[in-house]
N, C-alpha and C. Protein backbone atom coordinates (compact mmCIF):
# COMPACT_ATOMS: atom_id res chain seq x y z
N MET A 1 99.88 318.89 102.16
CA MET A 1 100.83 319.77 102.82
C MET A 1 102.24 319.34 102.43
N HIS A 2 103.09 320.30 102.32
CA HIS A 2 104.48 320.00 102.04
C HIS A 2 105.35 320.54 103.16
N GLY A 3 106.56 320.07 103.22
CA GLY A 3 107.49 320.48 104.28
C GLY A 3 108.51 321.50 103.82
N PHE A 4 108.24 322.17 102.68
CA PHE A 4 109.19 323.13 102.17
C PHE A 4 109.01 324.49 102.83
N THR A 5 110.09 325.21 102.95
CA THR A 5 110.01 326.59 103.43
C THR A 5 110.55 327.49 102.34
N ASN A 6 110.17 328.74 102.39
CA ASN A 6 110.67 329.69 101.41
C ASN A 6 112.17 329.86 101.60
N ALA A 7 112.86 330.07 100.48
CA ALA A 7 114.31 330.28 100.54
C ALA A 7 114.61 331.61 101.23
N THR A 8 115.73 331.64 101.93
CA THR A 8 116.16 332.89 102.56
C THR A 8 116.57 333.84 101.45
N PRO A 9 115.96 335.04 101.42
CA PRO A 9 116.31 335.97 100.34
C PRO A 9 117.73 336.50 100.52
N VAL A 10 118.49 336.52 99.43
CA VAL A 10 119.85 337.03 99.45
C VAL A 10 119.98 338.01 98.29
N ASP A 11 120.47 339.18 98.57
CA ASP A 11 120.72 340.22 97.58
C ASP A 11 121.69 339.69 96.53
N ARG A 12 121.47 340.05 95.25
CA ARG A 12 122.37 339.60 94.18
C ARG A 12 123.77 340.18 94.32
N GLY A 13 123.92 341.24 95.09
CA GLY A 13 125.22 341.85 95.34
C GLY A 13 125.96 341.18 96.48
N VAL A 14 125.49 339.98 96.87
CA VAL A 14 126.05 339.26 98.00
C VAL A 14 126.57 337.91 97.52
N ASP A 15 127.73 337.52 98.02
CA ASP A 15 128.27 336.19 97.76
C ASP A 15 128.14 335.38 99.04
N VAL A 16 127.68 334.14 98.92
CA VAL A 16 127.62 333.24 100.07
C VAL A 16 128.79 332.27 99.93
N ILE A 17 129.68 332.32 100.92
CA ILE A 17 130.89 331.49 100.90
C ILE A 17 130.86 330.52 102.08
N ASP A 18 131.51 329.39 101.91
CA ASP A 18 131.70 328.44 102.99
C ASP A 18 133.03 328.76 103.67
N VAL A 19 133.00 328.93 104.99
CA VAL A 19 134.21 329.19 105.76
C VAL A 19 134.37 328.05 106.76
N TYR A 20 135.48 327.33 106.66
CA TYR A 20 135.78 326.24 107.58
C TYR A 20 136.50 326.82 108.79
N ILE A 21 136.06 326.42 109.99
CA ILE A 21 136.68 326.90 111.22
C ILE A 21 137.02 325.68 112.07
N ALA A 22 138.30 325.53 112.37
CA ALA A 22 138.77 324.39 113.16
C ALA A 22 138.25 324.48 114.58
N ALA A 23 137.96 323.34 115.17
CA ALA A 23 137.43 323.28 116.54
C ALA A 23 138.33 324.02 117.52
N TRP A 24 139.65 323.87 117.40
CA TRP A 24 140.56 324.50 118.36
C TRP A 24 140.45 326.02 118.33
N GLU A 25 140.12 326.60 117.16
CA GLU A 25 139.96 328.07 117.09
C GLU A 25 138.83 328.52 118.02
N ILE A 26 137.72 327.80 117.95
CA ILE A 26 136.54 328.18 118.75
C ILE A 26 136.74 327.79 120.21
N GLU A 27 137.34 326.63 120.47
CA GLU A 27 137.57 326.22 121.86
C GLU A 27 138.52 327.17 122.58
N CYS A 28 139.43 327.77 121.84
CA CYS A 28 140.37 328.70 122.46
C CYS A 28 139.68 330.03 122.77
N CYS A 29 139.33 330.77 121.73
CA CYS A 29 138.80 332.11 122.01
C CYS A 29 138.08 332.76 120.84
N ALA A 30 137.88 332.06 119.74
CA ALA A 30 137.17 332.64 118.60
C ALA A 30 135.68 332.71 118.90
N PRO A 31 134.99 333.69 118.32
CA PRO A 31 133.55 333.78 118.53
C PRO A 31 132.83 332.60 117.89
N GLN A 32 131.78 332.13 118.54
CA GLN A 32 130.99 331.01 118.02
C GLN A 32 130.04 331.54 116.94
N PRO A 33 130.20 331.10 115.69
CA PRO A 33 129.28 331.54 114.65
C PRO A 33 127.85 331.16 114.99
N GLU A 34 126.92 332.08 114.72
CA GLU A 34 125.50 331.86 115.01
C GLU A 34 124.67 332.39 113.85
N VAL A 35 123.71 331.59 113.40
CA VAL A 35 122.85 331.98 112.29
C VAL A 35 122.15 333.29 112.62
N GLY A 36 122.15 334.21 111.65
CA GLY A 36 121.49 335.50 111.80
C GLY A 36 122.38 336.59 112.39
N ARG A 37 123.56 336.24 112.84
CA ARG A 37 124.49 337.22 113.43
C ARG A 37 125.52 337.66 112.40
N GLU A 38 126.13 338.79 112.66
CA GLU A 38 127.25 339.26 111.85
C GLU A 38 128.51 338.56 112.34
N ALA A 39 129.43 338.34 111.43
CA ALA A 39 130.70 337.68 111.78
C ALA A 39 131.82 338.30 110.96
N THR A 40 132.98 338.42 111.57
CA THR A 40 134.17 338.94 110.91
C THR A 40 135.33 337.98 111.16
N TRP A 41 135.95 337.53 110.07
CA TRP A 41 137.04 336.56 110.17
C TRP A 41 138.15 336.92 109.20
N VAL A 42 139.37 336.60 109.57
CA VAL A 42 140.50 336.63 108.65
C VAL A 42 140.47 335.26 107.96
N LEU A 43 140.59 335.27 106.63
CA LEU A 43 140.48 334.02 105.86
C LEU A 43 141.82 333.63 105.24
N ALA A 44 142.05 332.33 105.21
CA ALA A 44 143.20 331.76 104.51
C ALA A 44 142.65 330.78 103.48
N TYR A 45 143.24 330.78 102.30
CA TYR A 45 142.81 329.88 101.23
C TYR A 45 143.78 328.72 101.12
N THR A 46 143.24 327.51 100.99
CA THR A 46 144.06 326.34 100.67
C THR A 46 143.50 325.71 99.40
N ALA A 47 144.37 325.46 98.45
CA ALA A 47 143.97 324.86 97.18
C ALA A 47 143.73 323.37 97.36
N ASP A 48 142.68 322.86 96.70
CA ASP A 48 142.37 321.44 96.75
C ASP A 48 141.46 321.14 95.56
N ASP A 49 141.98 320.41 94.58
CA ASP A 49 141.21 320.13 93.36
C ASP A 49 139.99 319.25 93.59
N THR A 50 139.88 318.62 94.77
CA THR A 50 138.70 317.79 95.05
C THR A 50 137.54 318.62 95.60
N GLU A 51 137.79 319.90 95.89
CA GLU A 51 136.76 320.79 96.44
C GLU A 51 136.14 321.62 95.31
N PRO A 52 134.97 322.22 95.59
CA PRO A 52 134.34 323.07 94.57
C PRO A 52 135.08 324.40 94.41
N GLU A 53 134.71 325.13 93.34
CA GLU A 53 135.26 326.47 93.16
C GLU A 53 134.83 327.35 94.32
N VAL A 54 135.73 328.18 94.80
CA VAL A 54 135.49 329.00 95.99
C VAL A 54 134.84 330.33 95.64
N PHE A 55 135.32 330.97 94.58
CA PHE A 55 134.88 332.33 94.27
C PHE A 55 133.91 332.34 93.10
N ARG A 56 132.86 333.16 93.22
CA ARG A 56 131.85 333.26 92.17
C ARG A 56 131.95 334.56 91.39
N ARG A 57 132.88 335.40 91.77
CA ARG A 57 133.14 336.67 91.10
C ARG A 57 134.56 336.66 90.55
N PRO A 58 134.86 337.58 89.66
CA PRO A 58 136.26 337.68 89.20
C PRO A 58 137.21 337.90 90.38
N VAL A 59 138.33 337.21 90.33
CA VAL A 59 139.30 337.24 91.43
C VAL A 59 140.50 338.10 91.03
N ARG A 60 140.97 338.88 91.98
CA ARG A 60 142.21 339.64 91.81
C ARG A 60 143.28 339.01 92.71
N TRP A 61 144.50 338.89 92.19
CA TRP A 61 145.62 338.32 92.95
C TRP A 61 146.68 339.39 93.11
N ASP A 62 147.05 339.63 94.37
CA ASP A 62 148.14 340.56 94.67
C ASP A 62 149.30 339.72 95.20
N ARG A 63 150.30 339.52 94.36
CA ARG A 63 151.39 338.61 94.72
C ARG A 63 152.27 339.15 95.85
N ILE A 64 152.31 340.46 96.03
CA ILE A 64 153.13 341.03 97.11
C ILE A 64 152.52 340.72 98.47
N SER A 65 151.21 340.97 98.62
CA SER A 65 150.55 340.70 99.90
C SER A 65 150.00 339.27 99.98
N ARG A 66 150.08 338.53 98.85
CA ARG A 66 149.57 337.15 98.74
C ARG A 66 148.07 337.12 99.02
N LYS A 67 147.37 338.16 98.52
CA LYS A 67 145.94 338.31 98.78
C LYS A 67 145.11 338.00 97.54
N LEU A 68 144.14 337.10 97.74
CA LEU A 68 143.08 336.87 96.77
C LEU A 68 141.91 337.75 97.19
N SER A 69 141.28 338.45 96.26
CA SER A 69 140.09 339.21 96.61
C SER A 69 139.07 339.09 95.50
N ALA A 70 137.81 338.98 95.92
CA ALA A 70 136.68 338.87 95.00
C ALA A 70 135.48 339.47 95.70
N GLY A 71 134.96 340.58 95.16
CA GLY A 71 133.87 341.25 95.84
C GLY A 71 134.36 341.70 97.21
N GLY A 72 133.62 341.34 98.26
CA GLY A 72 134.00 341.71 99.63
C GLY A 72 134.83 340.66 100.35
N VAL A 73 135.27 339.64 99.64
CA VAL A 73 136.03 338.54 100.25
C VAL A 73 137.53 338.74 100.01
N SER A 74 138.30 338.64 101.09
CA SER A 74 139.76 338.67 101.01
C SER A 74 140.30 337.43 101.68
N ALA A 75 141.29 336.79 101.05
CA ALA A 75 141.88 335.59 101.64
C ALA A 75 143.38 335.56 101.35
N TYR A 76 144.13 335.13 102.35
CA TYR A 76 145.58 334.98 102.24
C TYR A 76 145.89 333.62 101.64
N TRP A 77 146.83 333.58 100.67
CA TRP A 77 147.22 332.31 100.06
C TRP A 77 148.73 332.17 100.16
N ARG A 78 149.16 331.48 101.19
CA ARG A 78 150.59 331.31 101.46
C ARG A 78 151.29 330.51 100.38
N ASP A 79 150.69 329.41 99.94
CA ASP A 79 151.35 328.47 99.03
C ASP A 79 150.97 328.68 97.56
N ALA A 80 150.66 329.90 97.17
CA ALA A 80 150.27 330.16 95.79
C ALA A 80 151.44 329.88 94.84
N PRO A 81 151.14 329.36 93.67
CA PRO A 81 152.22 329.14 92.69
C PRO A 81 152.80 330.47 92.23
N ASP A 82 154.08 330.47 91.91
CA ASP A 82 154.77 331.69 91.49
C ASP A 82 154.24 332.26 90.18
N ASP A 83 153.71 331.39 89.33
CA ASP A 83 153.26 331.84 88.00
C ASP A 83 151.76 332.16 87.95
N LEU A 84 151.14 332.38 89.10
CA LEU A 84 149.70 332.68 89.14
C LEU A 84 149.42 334.01 88.44
N SER A 85 148.38 334.01 87.60
CA SER A 85 148.02 335.25 86.89
C SER A 85 147.40 336.25 87.86
N ASP A 86 147.30 337.51 87.43
CA ASP A 86 146.71 338.56 88.27
C ASP A 86 145.20 338.38 88.43
N HIS A 87 144.58 337.60 87.56
CA HIS A 87 143.13 337.34 87.61
C HIS A 87 142.88 335.85 87.43
N PRO A 88 143.22 335.05 88.45
CA PRO A 88 143.08 333.59 88.30
C PRO A 88 141.61 333.17 88.24
N THR A 89 141.36 332.06 87.58
CA THR A 89 140.00 331.52 87.48
C THR A 89 140.01 330.06 87.92
N GLY A 90 138.83 329.55 88.27
CA GLY A 90 138.68 328.14 88.60
C GLY A 90 139.39 327.70 89.87
N LEU A 91 139.53 328.61 90.85
CA LEU A 91 140.23 328.25 92.09
C LEU A 91 139.36 327.32 92.94
N ARG A 92 139.83 326.12 93.13
CA ARG A 92 139.12 325.11 93.92
C ARG A 92 139.86 324.90 95.23
N GLY A 93 139.12 324.82 96.33
CA GLY A 93 139.75 324.62 97.62
C GLY A 93 138.83 325.01 98.75
N ARG A 94 139.43 325.50 99.84
CA ARG A 94 138.67 325.88 101.03
C ARG A 94 139.14 327.22 101.56
N LEU A 95 138.20 327.95 102.15
CA LEU A 95 138.52 329.15 102.90
C LEU A 95 138.45 328.78 104.37
N TRP A 96 139.52 329.08 105.11
CA TRP A 96 139.61 328.77 106.54
C TRP A 96 139.56 330.06 107.33
N GLY A 97 138.69 330.11 108.35
CA GLY A 97 138.60 331.27 109.22
C GLY A 97 139.56 331.13 110.38
N THR A 98 140.24 332.23 110.72
CA THR A 98 141.17 332.20 111.85
C THR A 98 141.11 333.52 112.61
N VAL A 99 141.26 333.43 113.91
CA VAL A 99 141.45 334.62 114.73
C VAL A 99 142.86 334.61 115.31
N HIS A 100 143.56 333.50 115.14
CA HIS A 100 144.91 333.36 115.69
C HIS A 100 146.00 333.64 114.67
N GLY A 101 145.61 333.85 113.43
CA GLY A 101 146.59 334.18 112.41
C GLY A 101 147.18 333.00 111.69
N ALA A 102 147.66 332.02 112.43
CA ALA A 102 148.34 330.85 111.84
C ALA A 102 149.37 331.35 110.83
N ASP A 103 149.17 331.08 109.56
CA ASP A 103 150.12 331.50 108.53
C ASP A 103 149.79 332.88 107.96
N VAL A 104 148.74 333.52 108.45
CA VAL A 104 148.30 334.80 107.91
C VAL A 104 149.04 335.93 108.65
N PRO A 105 149.63 336.88 107.89
CA PRO A 105 150.36 337.96 108.56
C PRO A 105 149.45 338.87 109.37
N ASP A 106 149.99 339.45 110.43
CA ASP A 106 149.25 340.41 111.24
C ASP A 106 148.76 341.55 110.37
N GLY A 107 147.54 342.03 110.66
CA GLY A 107 146.99 343.17 109.94
C GLY A 107 146.36 342.83 108.61
N PHE A 108 146.27 341.54 108.26
CA PHE A 108 145.66 341.15 106.99
C PHE A 108 144.17 341.51 107.01
N ASP A 109 143.63 341.89 105.85
CA ASP A 109 142.23 342.29 105.76
C ASP A 109 141.30 341.16 106.22
N SER A 110 140.27 341.53 106.97
CA SER A 110 139.27 340.55 107.39
C SER A 110 138.09 340.61 106.43
N THR A 111 137.24 339.59 106.51
CA THR A 111 136.03 339.49 105.70
C THR A 111 134.86 339.44 106.65
N ALA A 112 133.85 340.29 106.39
CA ALA A 112 132.68 340.37 107.28
C ALA A 112 131.42 340.06 106.49
N GLY A 113 130.44 339.51 107.22
CA GLY A 113 129.16 339.21 106.58
C GLY A 113 128.15 338.69 107.58
N SER A 114 127.03 338.25 107.06
CA SER A 114 125.95 337.68 107.88
C SER A 114 126.02 336.16 107.81
N VAL A 115 125.89 335.52 108.96
CA VAL A 115 125.93 334.06 109.02
C VAL A 115 124.58 333.52 108.57
N MET A 116 124.59 332.76 107.47
CA MET A 116 123.37 332.19 106.90
C MET A 116 123.15 330.75 107.36
N GLY A 117 124.22 330.07 107.74
CA GLY A 117 124.12 328.68 108.17
C GLY A 117 125.36 328.29 108.94
N VAL A 118 125.20 327.35 109.86
CA VAL A 118 126.32 326.79 110.62
C VAL A 118 126.14 325.27 110.60
N TYR A 119 127.21 324.56 110.26
CA TYR A 119 127.17 323.11 110.16
C TYR A 119 128.31 322.51 110.98
N LEU A 120 127.96 321.65 111.90
CA LEU A 120 128.95 320.92 112.69
C LEU A 120 129.61 319.91 111.75
N LEU A 121 130.93 319.89 111.74
CA LEU A 121 131.67 319.01 110.84
C LEU A 121 132.21 317.83 111.64
N ASP A 122 131.86 316.64 111.21
CA ASP A 122 132.23 315.39 111.87
C ASP A 122 132.94 314.54 110.83
N GLU A 123 134.15 314.05 111.16
CA GLU A 123 134.92 313.27 110.19
C GLU A 123 135.38 311.94 110.78
N LEU A 124 135.53 310.96 109.91
CA LEU A 124 136.02 309.65 110.31
C LEU A 124 137.54 309.65 110.20
N TYR A 125 138.20 309.20 111.27
CA TYR A 125 139.66 309.14 111.33
C TYR A 125 140.13 307.70 111.36
N ARG A 126 141.32 307.49 110.79
CA ARG A 126 141.94 306.17 110.82
C ARG A 126 143.43 306.36 111.12
N GLU A 127 143.94 305.44 111.90
CA GLU A 127 145.37 305.46 112.23
C GLU A 127 146.17 304.99 111.02
N ASN A 128 147.23 305.73 110.66
CA ASN A 128 148.04 305.29 109.52
C ASN A 128 149.19 304.41 109.98
N GLU A 129 150.05 304.05 109.03
CA GLU A 129 151.13 303.09 109.33
C GLU A 129 152.16 303.61 110.32
N ILE A 130 152.25 304.93 110.50
CA ILE A 130 153.22 305.45 111.48
C ILE A 130 152.54 305.85 112.81
N GLY A 131 151.25 305.54 112.93
CA GLY A 131 150.54 305.79 114.19
C GLY A 131 149.86 307.14 114.29
N ALA A 132 149.84 307.92 113.20
CA ALA A 132 149.15 309.22 113.21
C ALA A 132 147.69 309.04 112.77
N TRP A 133 146.79 309.77 113.40
CA TRP A 133 145.37 309.70 113.05
C TRP A 133 145.07 310.72 111.96
N CYS A 134 144.47 310.26 110.86
CA CYS A 134 144.21 311.12 109.70
C CYS A 134 142.74 311.00 109.29
N PRO A 135 142.13 312.14 108.86
CA PRO A 135 140.75 312.06 108.38
C PRO A 135 140.69 311.29 107.06
N LEU A 136 139.65 310.51 106.90
CA LEU A 136 139.46 309.75 105.67
C LEU A 136 138.67 310.59 104.67
N PRO A 137 139.21 310.77 103.47
CA PRO A 137 138.50 311.56 102.45
C PRO A 137 137.10 311.00 102.19
N GLY A 138 136.15 311.91 102.03
CA GLY A 138 134.78 311.51 101.70
C GLY A 138 133.93 311.07 102.88
N THR A 139 134.44 311.19 104.11
CA THR A 139 133.68 310.72 105.27
C THR A 139 133.09 311.86 106.10
N ALA A 140 133.29 313.09 105.68
CA ALA A 140 132.79 314.23 106.46
C ALA A 140 131.26 314.26 106.43
N VAL A 141 130.68 314.54 107.57
CA VAL A 141 129.24 314.69 107.71
C VAL A 141 128.97 316.07 108.28
N ARG A 142 128.06 316.81 107.65
CA ARG A 142 127.68 318.14 108.13
C ARG A 142 126.30 318.05 108.78
N THR A 143 126.19 318.57 109.99
CA THR A 143 124.91 318.61 110.70
C THR A 143 124.55 320.07 110.96
N SER A 144 123.39 320.48 110.48
CA SER A 144 122.97 321.87 110.65
C SER A 144 122.67 322.17 112.12
N VAL A 145 123.22 323.29 112.61
CA VAL A 145 122.98 323.77 113.97
C VAL A 145 122.73 325.28 113.87
N SER A 146 122.08 325.85 114.87
CA SER A 146 121.84 327.29 114.83
C SER A 146 123.04 328.08 115.33
N LYS A 147 123.87 327.46 116.16
CA LYS A 147 125.05 328.12 116.71
C LYS A 147 126.14 327.07 116.93
N SER A 148 127.36 327.48 116.69
CA SER A 148 128.49 326.58 116.93
C SER A 148 128.60 326.27 118.41
N PRO A 149 128.96 325.03 118.75
CA PRO A 149 129.24 324.76 120.15
C PRO A 149 130.53 325.45 120.57
N GLY A 150 130.72 325.63 121.87
CA GLY A 150 131.97 326.21 122.38
C GLY A 150 133.04 325.15 122.55
N TRP A 151 132.60 323.91 122.71
CA TRP A 151 133.51 322.78 122.87
C TRP A 151 133.05 321.66 121.95
N PHE A 152 133.99 320.92 121.42
CA PHE A 152 133.69 319.86 120.46
C PHE A 152 134.05 318.51 121.05
N GLY A 153 133.34 317.52 120.60
CA GLY A 153 133.60 316.17 121.09
C GLY A 153 133.67 315.21 119.92
N GLY A 154 133.60 313.98 120.24
CA GLY A 154 133.56 312.93 119.24
C GLY A 154 132.62 311.87 119.74
N SER A 155 132.26 310.98 118.88
CA SER A 155 131.34 309.94 119.32
C SER A 155 132.09 308.69 119.72
N GLY A 156 133.40 308.79 119.84
CA GLY A 156 134.17 307.62 120.22
C GLY A 156 135.54 308.00 120.72
N THR A 157 136.29 307.02 121.12
CA THR A 157 137.64 307.20 121.60
C THR A 157 138.58 306.62 120.56
N PHE A 158 139.74 307.25 120.39
CA PHE A 158 140.71 306.73 119.43
C PHE A 158 141.32 305.46 119.99
N VAL A 159 141.08 304.35 119.30
CA VAL A 159 141.59 303.04 119.70
C VAL A 159 142.34 302.47 118.50
N SER A 160 143.59 302.12 118.71
CA SER A 160 144.41 301.58 117.63
C SER A 160 143.69 300.43 116.94
N GLY A 161 143.70 300.47 115.59
CA GLY A 161 143.07 299.42 114.81
C GLY A 161 141.60 299.66 114.51
N MET A 162 141.02 300.72 115.06
CA MET A 162 139.60 301.01 114.83
C MET A 162 139.44 302.43 114.29
N ASP A 163 138.46 302.63 113.39
CA ASP A 163 138.14 303.97 112.91
C ASP A 163 137.36 304.71 113.99
N CYS A 164 137.47 306.02 114.00
CA CYS A 164 136.79 306.81 115.02
C CYS A 164 136.29 308.12 114.41
N ARG A 165 135.07 308.53 114.79
CA ARG A 165 134.51 309.81 114.35
C ARG A 165 134.92 310.89 115.33
N LYS A 166 135.17 312.10 114.78
CA LYS A 166 135.57 313.22 115.62
C LYS A 166 134.96 314.50 115.05
N GLN A 167 134.44 315.34 115.94
CA GLN A 167 133.97 316.66 115.54
C GLN A 167 135.20 317.54 115.36
N THR A 168 135.39 318.04 114.15
CA THR A 168 136.62 318.77 113.84
C THR A 168 136.42 320.28 113.71
N GLY A 169 135.20 320.75 113.79
CA GLY A 169 134.94 322.18 113.67
C GLY A 169 133.59 322.44 113.06
N VAL A 170 133.45 323.60 112.44
CA VAL A 170 132.20 323.97 111.79
C VAL A 170 132.49 324.52 110.40
N VAL A 171 131.45 324.48 109.58
CA VAL A 171 131.45 325.18 108.30
C VAL A 171 130.39 326.26 108.45
N MET A 172 130.79 327.50 108.20
CA MET A 172 129.88 328.64 108.33
C MET A 172 129.59 329.15 106.92
N GLU A 173 128.28 329.28 106.60
CA GLU A 173 127.89 329.94 105.35
C GLU A 173 127.80 331.42 105.66
N LEU A 174 128.64 332.21 105.00
CA LEU A 174 128.73 333.63 105.28
C LEU A 174 128.32 334.41 104.04
N ALA A 175 127.31 335.28 104.20
CA ALA A 175 126.86 336.16 103.10
C ALA A 175 127.66 337.45 103.19
N VAL A 176 128.46 337.70 102.15
CA VAL A 176 129.37 338.83 102.12
C VAL A 176 128.96 339.78 101.00
N ARG A 177 128.80 341.05 101.32
CA ARG A 177 128.45 342.06 100.31
C ARG A 177 129.61 342.24 99.34
N GLY A 178 129.27 342.32 98.07
CA GLY A 178 130.27 342.47 97.02
C GLY A 178 130.69 343.88 96.86
């Protein structure tokens, strides 16, 4: 006997994207992502060369609205370089889901799809030289859950001089029709 299960079938006209959602978004009033449910989020893109490529389809860039779009995915990019081409390639970074807008202008296009997976994100924090707590690169742990919690915790208390783990949000795998 083996412990494998059949892969979840996904239409080839669908892109599965990772959407990071900060704990405070959900604790305030954002809907809790749940596997098998539909979800709609406004997305913001942040560039980060240490992350994988975000888009698997050709990307269109609209410099006036600061919108990246690929298939059914739309994302706002506030800090895009001025010399970005109309069809950028190799964009590495993260897509962040927001219901509060943050840096995204009101009325920006949302992205909708089916939630294929939800992962609780837990990161190790360390106090820096000025006393601010910062996540340590490479320490994130993803734990599969069927639904995001409404409230997040940590497995420890922040104590000066000691590292501490903190639940910082969730990563949602969202299947978006192209």
